[in-house]
Amino acid sequence: MAAFGKIANRVLNLTPNFRPLQRNFHKFQSAKSVPKNYTKYLVFVSGGLTALICTNYMKTERLDAAFRMRKTEDENLLKKLTSRERRFIKFASVEYRGQLYMTPQDFLDSVVEQEPRPRLKRRILSEQDLQVIKDNTPPLKKGSKMLFRTLRDRGIVSYTEYLFLLSVLTKPISGFRIAFNMFDTDGNHRVEKDEFLVILKILGGTFKQSKVDEQTRKLDDYIDDEEGLQRKHRIDTTLQIHLFGKKGNQDLNYDGFYKFMDNLQTEVLELEFNEFSKGNVAITENDFAKILLRYTYLNAEEYDAYLERLMDRVKVERGITFEEFRDFCRFLNNLEDFAIAMRMYTLADRAISQSEFSRAVKICTGFSLSKHLIDTVFAIFDDNGDGMLSYREFIAIMKDRVHRGFKVSHWKIVEYNAVNDKYIEAANPLFSVWRQRVCRRLDHFKEKDFFS
């Protein structure tokens, strides 16, 4: 009955288009030379139109069913993937021979934005596009802190390289040498392209355990997954060309490797800083707190409590410069060492003072944080205003910041389910927290009669 109703509605929608035909039919009926079998023609035409409508309707229903089935399959597939795999698929905007790639701009968006830029579909790369990418990729000696922002969409990043770049963002400066030595498998203090690719495969888990025999696995066109993430590379990516040259025959030394990692970290931090600075040389203390808390799984009340505490304690805004912001983020990359130092320093599990905090940072990183920056941190995280910081709470929250929401959080976020009339654990905790904040702000505006 429902299907018949839809067909009837479509026929009614076509009625206005039959009015000229109806007028011509009346003229035809009043003519002297009207054939007596005109009813047969009318039945034939009507039957043809009905058949056409039914055919189109059934075709649409089949397409809708196929679309719903494909959507369900995609959703089931995403549920089986890790958070990093899902995020790569979500932000990857280009494709070549079934392999998904990010552009440099996609990568930057993935680490600072919640959602990718709007697009209708992924762009399919051609051989000409790959040549343009190759020609536009600068060599390592011309690398800069604007590399990814300059290349924008004129480059490609594979999934395994995406994992590598993410790890670069969380590496302390002291860990640069360790990372380089991991790539330098033959110990000659230089990294060749083949060595780099081997470690990338290990990093991405390209060769997963499966029932495929080794002979098949060695084939050049063997595809190891169904998502287009870890297929064997047939092309040189932007990162490979940048590090090893267009012919892939240039070796990578430690100085070049250090420069690349330092430039990437600085570029992402500049991107975050500029989002709040709006062209100024400093951001407000409140904006600094928002950057620190943006990837944490705090609920709306806890999030607002930190900001309100800061606003109550900071009477005169001096601002946080980029150098101060960068120093603090570099300290966060040493958070594990800081935690170890604090566990040894505070055997009684007591809170720490500003002088103790500053000394521990100096020991772990080799540099000092400014007095104003430490004052701001304590204004945010000092719960009761006694000048002491609970380092356990501080470290737990800052770990979420370092891993940019990818690591499983110690916070459990719940949201109300109207269907079951109960609170359930949020499927997307970060999105749930942001939604709670927006709703709370709207309620605040309503209470103030801003909408009246």
Protein backbone atom coordinates (compact mmCIF):
# COMPACT_ATOMS: atom_id res chain seq x y z
CA MET A 1 0.00 0.00 0.00
CA ALA A 2 2.82 2.39 0.82
CA ALA A 3 4.45 1.76 -2.55
CA PHE A 4 1.12 2.29 -4.32
CA GLY A 5 0.63 5.56 -2.44
CA LYS A 6 4.05 6.82 -3.58
CA ILE A 7 3.19 5.96 -7.20
CA ALA A 8 -0.18 7.72 -6.90
CA ASN A 9 1.52 10.85 -5.55
CA ARG A 10 3.93 10.87 -8.47
CA VAL A 11 1.06 10.56 -10.93
CA LEU A 12 -0.73 13.48 -9.26
CA ASN A 13 2.44 15.55 -9.50
CA LEU A 14 2.45 14.93 -13.24
CA THR A 15 -1.21 16.10 -13.65
CA PRO A 16 -0.36 19.77 -14.45
CA ASN A 17 1.75 18.55 -17.36
CA PHE A 18 -1.30 16.78 -18.87
CA ARG A 19 -3.44 19.96 -19.13
CA PRO A 20 -2.30 20.92 -22.66
CA LEU A 21 -2.91 17.31 -23.70
CA GLN A 22 -6.40 17.49 -22.15
CA ARG A 23 -7.28 20.67 -24.09
CA ASN A 24 -6.09 19.13 -27.34
CA PHE A 25 -8.10 16.02 -26.57
CA HIS A 26 -11.34 18.05 -26.18
CA LYS A 27 -10.68 19.72 -29.53
CA PHE A 28 -10.01 16.35 -31.04
CA GLN A 29 -13.26 14.99 -29.54
CA SER A 30 -15.36 17.82 -31.03
CA ALA A 31 -13.91 17.44 -34.53
CA LYS A 32 -16.06 15.81 -37.24
CA SER A 33 -13.31 13.42 -38.30
CA VAL A 34 -12.79 11.80 -34.91
CA PRO A 35 -11.88 8.13 -35.14
CA LYS A 36 -14.18 5.92 -33.14
CA ASN A 37 -11.25 3.95 -31.64
CA TYR A 38 -9.61 6.95 -29.92
CA THR A 39 -10.27 5.24 -26.57
CA LYS A 40 -7.78 2.53 -27.52
CA TYR A 41 -5.09 5.15 -28.17
CA LEU A 42 -5.79 6.83 -24.86
CA VAL A 43 -5.56 3.54 -22.97
CA PHE A 44 -2.31 2.71 -24.78
CA VAL A 45 -0.70 6.07 -23.92
CA SER A 46 -1.89 5.92 -20.31
CA GLY A 47 -0.55 2.42 -19.90
CA GLY A 48 2.81 3.45 -21.29
CA LEU A 49 3.05 6.39 -18.91
CA THR A 50 2.10 4.21 -15.94
CA ALA A 51 4.70 1.61 -16.89
CA LEU A 52 7.36 4.33 -17.24
CA ILE A 53 6.51 5.77 -13.81
CA CYS A 54 6.57 2.33 -12.18
CA THR A 55 9.90 1.49 -13.81
CA ASN A 56 11.48 4.72 -12.61
CA TYR A 57 10.07 4.19 -9.14
CA MET A 58 11.44 0.65 -8.88
CA LYS A 59 14.82 1.83 -10.18
CA THR A 60 14.92 4.58 -7.56
CA GLU A 61 13.97 2.12 -4.84
CA ARG A 62 16.78 -0.23 -5.91
CA LEU A 63 19.30 2.63 -5.89
CA ASP A 64 18.11 3.77 -2.47
CA ALA A 65 18.40 0.23 -1.13
CA ALA A 66 21.89 -0.13 -2.59
CA PHE A 67 22.91 3.21 -1.08
CA ARG A 68 21.58 2.21 2.34
CA MET A 69 23.39 -1.13 2.12
CA ARG A 70 26.67 0.57 1.13
CA LYS A 71 26.28 3.10 3.95
CA THR A 72 25.72 0.30 6.46
CA GLU A 73 28.80 -1.54 5.16
CA ASP A 74 30.90 1.62 5.47
CA GLU A 75 29.67 2.20 9.03
CA ASN A 76 30.44 -1.40 9.99
CA LEU A 77 33.88 -1.08 8.42
CA LEU A 78 34.68 2.11 10.34
CA LYS A 79 33.69 0.43 13.60
CA LYS A 80 36.44 -2.18 13.04
CA LEU A 81 39.15 0.42 12.43
CA THR A 82 41.33 2.20 14.96
CA SER A 83 40.76 5.87 15.78
CA ARG A 84 43.75 6.87 13.65
CA GLU A 85 42.56 4.79 10.68
CA ARG A 86 39.10 6.32 10.90
CA ARG A 87 40.51 9.81 11.09
CA PHE A 88 42.82 9.24 8.10
CA ILE A 89 39.92 7.97 5.98
CA LYS A 90 37.82 10.91 7.11
CA PHE A 91 40.36 13.58 6.13
CA ALA A 92 42.00 11.92 3.09
CA SER A 93 40.79 13.93 0.09
CA VAL A 94 42.67 12.32 -2.83
CA GLU A 95 42.96 8.83 -4.28
CA TYR A 96 45.25 7.08 -6.74
CA ARG A 97 44.53 3.54 -7.98
CA GLY A 98 42.41 2.76 -4.97
CA GLN A 99 44.99 4.05 -2.46
CA LEU A 100 43.84 6.87 -0.19
CA TYR A 101 46.14 9.82 0.44
CA MET A 102 46.07 12.98 2.47
CA THR A 103 47.30 16.26 1.08
CA PRO A 104 49.61 18.38 3.27
CA GLN A 105 46.59 20.58 4.05
CA ASP A 106 44.54 17.49 4.99
CA PHE A 107 47.22 16.52 7.50
CA LEU A 108 47.26 19.96 9.10
CA ASP A 109 43.46 19.95 9.28
CA SER A 110 43.47 16.50 10.89
CA VAL A 111 45.60 17.64 13.82
CA VAL A 112 43.90 20.97 14.55
CA GLU A 113 40.31 20.58 13.33
CA GLN A 114 37.44 18.32 14.37
CA GLU A 115 35.97 17.96 10.85
CA PRO A 116 37.55 18.01 7.37
CA ARG A 117 36.88 20.70 4.82
CA PRO A 118 33.58 20.25 2.93
CA ARG A 119 33.96 18.28 -0.30
CA LEU A 120 31.67 16.38 -2.64
CA LYS A 121 34.02 13.45 -3.21
CA ARG A 122 37.70 12.54 -3.23
CA ARG A 123 39.81 13.83 -6.09
CA ILE A 124 41.19 11.07 -8.35
CA LEU A 125 44.81 11.76 -9.18
CA SER A 126 46.19 11.31 -12.67
CA GLU A 127 49.76 10.70 -13.81
CA GLN A 128 49.96 14.39 -14.70
CA ASP A 129 48.89 15.34 -11.16
CA LEU A 130 51.66 13.17 -9.73
CA GLN A 131 54.23 14.87 -11.95
CA VAL A 132 53.02 18.29 -10.78
CA ILE A 133 53.34 17.15 -7.16
CA LYS A 134 56.86 15.89 -7.84
CA ASP A 135 57.89 19.16 -9.48
CA ASN A 136 56.45 21.29 -6.66
CA THR A 137 58.07 19.39 -3.78
CA PRO A 138 61.12 21.31 -2.50
CA PRO A 139 64.32 19.47 -1.46
CA LEU A 140 65.18 19.07 2.22
CA LYS A 141 67.75 21.87 2.12
CA LYS A 142 64.94 24.28 1.19
CA GLY A 143 62.58 23.01 3.88
CA SER A 144 60.91 25.56 6.13
CA LYS A 145 58.37 26.01 8.91
CA MET A 146 55.82 26.76 6.18
CA LEU A 147 56.35 23.59 4.13
CA PHE A 148 52.90 22.01 4.58
CA ARG A 149 51.07 25.34 4.49
CA THR A 150 52.87 26.29 1.26
CA LEU A 151 52.24 22.98 -0.49
CA ARG A 152 48.57 22.86 0.63
CA ASP A 153 46.90 20.47 -1.88
CA ARG A 154 49.99 20.00 -4.06
CA GLY A 155 51.25 16.91 -2.28
CA ILE A 156 50.30 13.46 -0.97
CA VAL A 157 50.81 11.72 2.37
CA SER A 158 50.23 7.96 2.77
CA TYR A 159 48.68 6.36 5.84
CA THR A 160 51.98 5.03 7.20
CA GLU A 161 53.54 8.46 6.74
CA TYR A 162 50.56 9.96 8.54
CA LEU A 163 51.38 7.76 11.55
CA PHE A 164 55.02 8.82 11.33
CA LEU A 165 54.14 12.52 11.20
CA LEU A 166 51.83 12.14 14.20
CA SER A 167 54.65 10.56 16.16
CA VAL A 168 56.94 13.44 15.17
CA LEU A 169 54.53 15.92 16.79
CA THR A 170 54.83 14.19 20.18
CA LYS A 171 58.58 13.53 20.13
CA PRO A 172 60.75 15.49 22.59
CA ILE A 173 63.88 17.05 21.15
CA SER A 174 65.94 14.50 23.06
CA GLY A 175 64.03 11.78 21.19
CA PHE A 176 65.00 13.03 17.72
CA ARG A 177 68.29 11.13 17.88
CA ILE A 178 66.56 7.94 18.99
CA ALA A 179 64.07 8.23 16.13
CA PHE A 180 66.90 8.75 13.62
CA ASN A 181 68.80 5.73 14.93
CA MET A 182 65.66 3.60 14.53
CA PHE A 183 65.60 4.45 10.81
CA ASP A 184 69.37 3.98 10.48
CA THR A 185 69.18 0.17 10.47
CA ASP A 186 72.74 -0.43 9.21
CA GLY A 187 74.29 2.04 11.67
CA ASN A 188 76.19 4.13 9.12
CA HIS A 189 74.74 7.40 10.48
CA ARG A 190 72.79 7.93 7.28
CA VAL A 191 69.26 6.87 6.38
CA GLU A 192 68.54 5.58 2.88
CA LYS A 193 65.12 5.55 1.29
CA ASP A 194 64.74 1.77 1.59
CA GLU A 195 65.52 1.92 5.31
CA PHE A 196 62.92 4.63 5.75
CA LEU A 197 60.24 2.63 3.96
CA VAL A 198 60.95 -0.51 6.00
CA ILE A 199 60.37 1.34 9.27
CA LEU A 200 57.22 2.95 7.87
CA LYS A 201 55.82 -0.50 7.08
CA ILE A 202 56.54 -1.64 10.62
CA LEU A 203 55.02 1.56 12.00
CA GLY A 204 51.84 1.11 9.99
CA GLY A 205 51.58 -2.63 10.50
CA THR A 206 51.38 -3.07 6.74
CA PHE A 207 52.03 -6.79 6.72
CA LYS A 208 49.31 -7.99 9.06
CA GLN A 209 48.83 -11.61 9.99
CA SER A 210 46.37 -13.21 7.60
CA LYS A 211 45.75 -16.45 5.73
CA VAL A 212 47.44 -15.15 2.58
CA ASP A 213 50.51 -17.16 1.62
CA GLU A 214 53.91 -15.50 1.39
CA GLN A 215 54.12 -15.94 -2.40
CA THR A 216 50.96 -13.88 -2.88
CA ARG A 217 52.14 -11.35 -0.31
CA LYS A 218 55.31 -10.69 -2.33
CA LEU A 219 53.40 -9.71 -5.47
CA ASP A 220 53.77 -6.06 -6.41
CA ASP A 221 50.03 -5.60 -6.90
CA TYR A 222 49.00 -7.39 -3.70
CA ILE A 223 46.57 -5.32 -1.61
CA ASP A 224 46.82 -5.94 2.10
CA ASP A 225 43.58 -4.29 3.22
CA GLU A 226 40.14 -3.30 1.99
CA GLU A 227 40.21 0.33 3.13
CA GLY A 228 42.86 1.65 0.75
CA LEU A 229 45.14 2.54 3.66
CA GLN A 230 48.15 0.27 3.46
CA ARG A 231 48.44 -0.87 -0.12
CA LYS A 232 51.91 -1.26 -1.52
CA HIS A 233 53.31 2.05 -2.71
CA ARG A 234 53.81 2.37 -6.44
CA ILE A 235 54.51 6.11 -6.36
CA ASP A 236 56.81 8.49 -4.54
CA THR A 237 55.02 10.59 -1.96
CA THR A 238 55.78 14.20 -1.06
CA LEU A 239 57.62 13.14 2.08
CA GLN A 240 59.86 10.69 0.20
CA ILE A 241 60.70 13.25 -2.47
CA HIS A 242 61.40 15.94 0.14
CA LEU A 243 63.69 13.74 2.24
CA PHE A 244 65.43 11.66 -0.45
CA GLY A 245 65.21 13.73 -3.65
CA LYS A 246 63.21 13.27 -6.85
CA LYS A 247 65.28 10.22 -7.85
CA GLY A 248 65.27 8.76 -4.33
CA ASN A 249 69.05 8.40 -4.30
CA GLN A 250 69.91 11.01 -1.66
CA ASP A 251 70.75 9.89 1.87
CA LEU A 252 69.30 11.56 4.95
CA ASN A 253 71.69 12.66 7.70
CA TYR A 254 70.80 13.54 11.27
CA ASP A 255 71.01 17.31 10.80
CA GLY A 256 68.47 17.18 7.97
CA PHE A 257 66.24 14.82 9.93
CA TYR A 258 66.36 17.08 13.00
CA LYS A 259 65.55 20.13 10.87
CA PHE A 260 62.52 18.43 9.31
CA MET A 261 61.08 17.28 12.66
CA ASP A 262 61.66 20.64 14.33
CA ASN A 263 60.09 22.50 11.39
CA LEU A 264 57.01 20.27 11.45
CA GLN A 265 56.46 20.71 15.18
CA THR A 266 56.86 24.47 14.89
CA GLU A 267 54.53 24.68 11.89
CA VAL A 268 51.67 22.90 13.67
CA LEU A 269 52.16 24.98 16.82
CA GLU A 270 52.15 28.18 14.74
CA LEU A 271 48.92 27.05 13.12
CA GLU A 272 47.27 26.56 16.52
CA PHE A 273 48.69 29.78 17.93
CA ASN A 274 47.63 31.90 14.94
CA GLU A 275 44.09 30.58 15.21
CA PHE A 276 43.76 32.48 18.50
CA SER A 277 46.28 35.33 18.06
CA LYS A 278 44.50 36.79 14.98
CA GLY A 279 47.78 38.33 13.83
CA ASN A 280 48.87 39.61 17.25
CA VAL A 281 52.20 38.73 18.84
CA ALA A 282 50.52 37.13 21.87
CA ILE A 283 47.36 35.29 22.86
CA THR A 284 45.39 35.90 26.04
CA GLU A 285 45.79 33.67 29.07
CA ASN A 286 42.21 32.51 28.48
CA ASP A 287 43.03 31.47 24.90
CA PHE A 288 46.11 29.63 26.17
CA ALA A 289 43.88 27.63 28.53
CA LYS A 290 41.46 26.84 25.69
CA ILE A 291 44.30 25.46 23.56
CA LEU A 292 45.48 23.25 26.42
CA LEU A 293 41.98 21.92 27.13
CA ARG A 294 40.68 21.57 23.57
CA TYR A 295 41.58 17.87 23.19
CA THR A 296 40.68 16.78 26.72
CA TYR A 297 37.57 14.78 27.58
CA LEU A 298 36.27 17.14 30.26
CA ASN A 299 32.55 17.64 30.62
CA ALA A 300 31.08 21.12 30.24
CA GLU A 301 31.07 21.94 33.96
CA GLU A 302 34.69 20.89 34.48
CA TYR A 303 35.85 22.70 31.35
CA ASP A 304 34.13 25.94 32.39
CA ALA A 305 35.45 25.61 35.94
CA TYR A 306 39.05 25.78 34.67
CA LEU A 307 38.37 28.89 32.58
CA GLU A 308 36.42 30.65 35.32
CA ARG A 309 39.16 29.87 37.84
CA LEU A 310 41.72 31.41 35.51
CA MET A 311 39.66 34.56 34.91
CA ASP A 312 39.17 35.04 38.65
CA ARG A 313 42.88 34.77 39.41
CA VAL A 314 44.42 36.68 36.50
CA LYS A 315 43.59 40.31 37.19
CA VAL A 316 45.91 41.87 34.59
CA GLU A 317 46.33 40.17 31.22
CA ARG A 318 49.91 40.15 29.96
CA GLY A 319 49.42 37.58 27.23
CA ILE A 320 51.35 34.47 26.20
CA THR A 321 53.88 34.87 23.38
CA PHE A 322 54.51 32.18 20.78
CA GLU A 323 57.93 31.45 22.27
CA GLU A 324 56.33 30.79 25.66
CA PHE A 325 53.61 28.66 24.06
CA ARG A 326 56.17 26.64 22.08
CA ASP A 327 58.33 26.09 25.16
CA PHE A 328 55.37 24.76 27.10
CA CYS A 329 54.32 22.42 24.28
CA ARG A 330 57.87 21.11 24.04
CA PHE A 331 57.74 20.50 27.76
CA LEU A 332 54.52 18.51 27.24
CA ASN A 333 56.41 16.27 24.80
CA ASN A 334 58.63 15.41 27.78
CA LEU A 335 55.62 14.68 29.98
CA GLU A 336 56.59 11.05 30.62
CA ASP A 337 60.01 12.09 31.94
CA PHE A 338 58.36 14.82 34.02
CA ALA A 339 55.97 12.26 35.53
CA ILE A 340 58.88 10.00 36.49
CA ALA A 341 60.73 12.93 38.05
CA MET A 342 57.65 13.93 40.02
CA ARG A 343 57.02 10.40 41.27
CA MET A 344 60.56 10.31 42.60
CA TYR A 345 60.31 13.84 43.96
CA THR A 346 56.94 13.47 45.69
CA LEU A 347 57.16 10.09 47.37
CA ALA A 348 54.36 11.10 49.77
CA ASP A 349 52.08 11.86 46.78
CA ARG A 350 51.75 15.48 47.82
CA ALA A 351 51.12 18.51 45.63
CA ILE A 352 54.07 20.49 44.27
CA SER A 353 54.93 24.16 44.47
CA GLN A 354 55.83 26.50 41.62
CA SER A 355 59.55 26.34 42.42
CA GLU A 356 59.47 22.52 42.44
CA PHE A 357 57.52 22.48 39.18
CA SER A 358 60.00 24.86 37.53
CA ARG A 359 62.99 22.81 38.71
CA ALA A 360 61.47 19.54 37.43
CA VAL A 361 60.81 21.11 34.01
CA LYS A 362 64.43 22.33 33.84
CA ILE A 363 65.75 18.87 34.71
CA CYS A 364 63.57 17.05 32.14
CA THR A 365 63.85 19.46 29.21
CA GLY A 366 67.05 21.41 29.73
CA PHE A 367 65.28 24.78 29.47
CA SER A 368 63.19 26.92 31.80
CA LEU A 369 59.62 28.16 31.47
CA SER A 370 58.93 31.84 32.09
CA LYS A 371 57.62 32.91 35.50
CA HIS A 372 54.44 34.31 33.93
CA LEU A 373 53.75 31.05 32.08
CA ILE A 374 54.12 29.01 35.26
CA ASP A 375 51.85 31.45 37.11
CA THR A 376 49.23 30.96 34.37
CA VAL A 377 49.48 27.17 34.52
CA PHE A 378 49.00 27.21 38.29
CA ALA A 379 46.08 29.63 37.93
CA ILE A 380 44.42 27.05 35.66
CA PHE A 381 45.21 23.82 37.52
CA ASP A 382 45.60 24.87 41.16
CA ASP A 383 42.28 23.56 42.46
CA ASN A 384 42.00 25.27 45.85
CA GLY A 385 44.27 28.27 45.33
CA ASP A 386 46.90 27.24 47.86
CA GLY A 387 49.75 27.66 45.39
CA MET A 388 50.22 23.90 45.05
CA LEU A 389 49.55 21.73 42.00
CA SER A 390 48.23 18.19 41.99
CA TYR A 391 50.64 16.77 39.45
CA ARG A 392 48.59 13.59 38.96
CA GLU A 393 45.56 15.55 37.74
CA PHE A 394 47.77 17.86 35.69
CA ILE A 395 49.56 14.99 33.95
CA ALA A 396 46.34 13.07 33.31
CA ILE A 397 44.73 16.05 31.56
CA MET A 398 47.85 17.08 29.65
CA LYS A 399 48.31 13.55 28.24
CA ASP A 400 45.08 14.05 26.31
CA ARG A 401 46.46 17.31 24.97
CA VAL A 402 49.73 15.69 23.85
CA HIS A 403 47.97 12.86 22.00
CA ARG A 404 45.35 15.23 20.57
CA GLY A 405 42.38 13.10 21.55
CA PHE A 406 43.70 9.84 20.05
CA LYS A 407 44.70 8.16 23.29
CA VAL A 408 42.04 6.48 25.42
CA SER A 409 41.15 8.94 28.14
CA HIS A 410 40.74 8.35 31.84
CA TRP A 411 37.54 10.41 31.65
CA LYS A 412 34.26 8.64 30.93
CA ILE A 413 31.86 10.90 29.02
CA VAL A 414 28.15 10.10 29.17
CA GLU A 415 25.24 11.64 27.31
CA TYR A 416 21.48 11.39 27.64
CA ASN A 417 19.70 8.91 25.37
CA ALA A 418 16.10 10.09 24.87
CA VAL A 419 14.93 6.77 23.40
CA ASN A 420 15.93 4.68 26.42
CA ASP A 421 15.55 7.56 28.90
CA LYS A 422 18.98 6.98 30.45
CA TYR A 423 22.60 8.10 30.28
CA ILE A 424 24.97 6.05 28.13
CA GLU A 425 28.67 6.27 27.33
CA ALA A 426 29.23 8.63 24.41
CA ALA A 427 30.25 7.03 21.12
CA ASN A 428 32.30 10.14 20.25
CA PRO A 429 33.40 11.67 23.58
CA LEU A 430 35.14 14.71 22.12
CA PHE A 431 32.17 15.64 19.94
CA SER A 432 29.80 15.03 22.85
CA VAL A 433 31.73 17.44 25.07
CA TRP A 434 31.71 20.16 22.40
CA ARG A 435 27.98 19.66 21.88
CA GLN A 436 27.39 20.00 25.63
CA ARG A 437 29.33 23.25 25.66
CA VAL A 438 27.33 24.70 22.76
CA CYS A 439 24.01 23.76 24.38
CA ARG A 440 25.10 25.26 27.67
CA ARG A 441 26.03 28.54 25.95
CA LEU A 442 22.63 28.65 24.24
CA ASP A 443 20.88 28.10 27.56
CA HIS A 444 22.93 30.95 29.02
CA PHE A 445 21.81 33.28 26.22
CA LYS A 446 18.18 32.29 26.74
CA GLU A 447 18.39 33.01 30.46
CA LYS A 448 19.77 36.47 29.66
CA ASP A 449 16.90 37.10 27.22
CA PHE A 450 19.36 37.63 24.36
CA PHE A 451 16.90 36.01 21.94
CA SER A 452 13.88 38.14 22.96
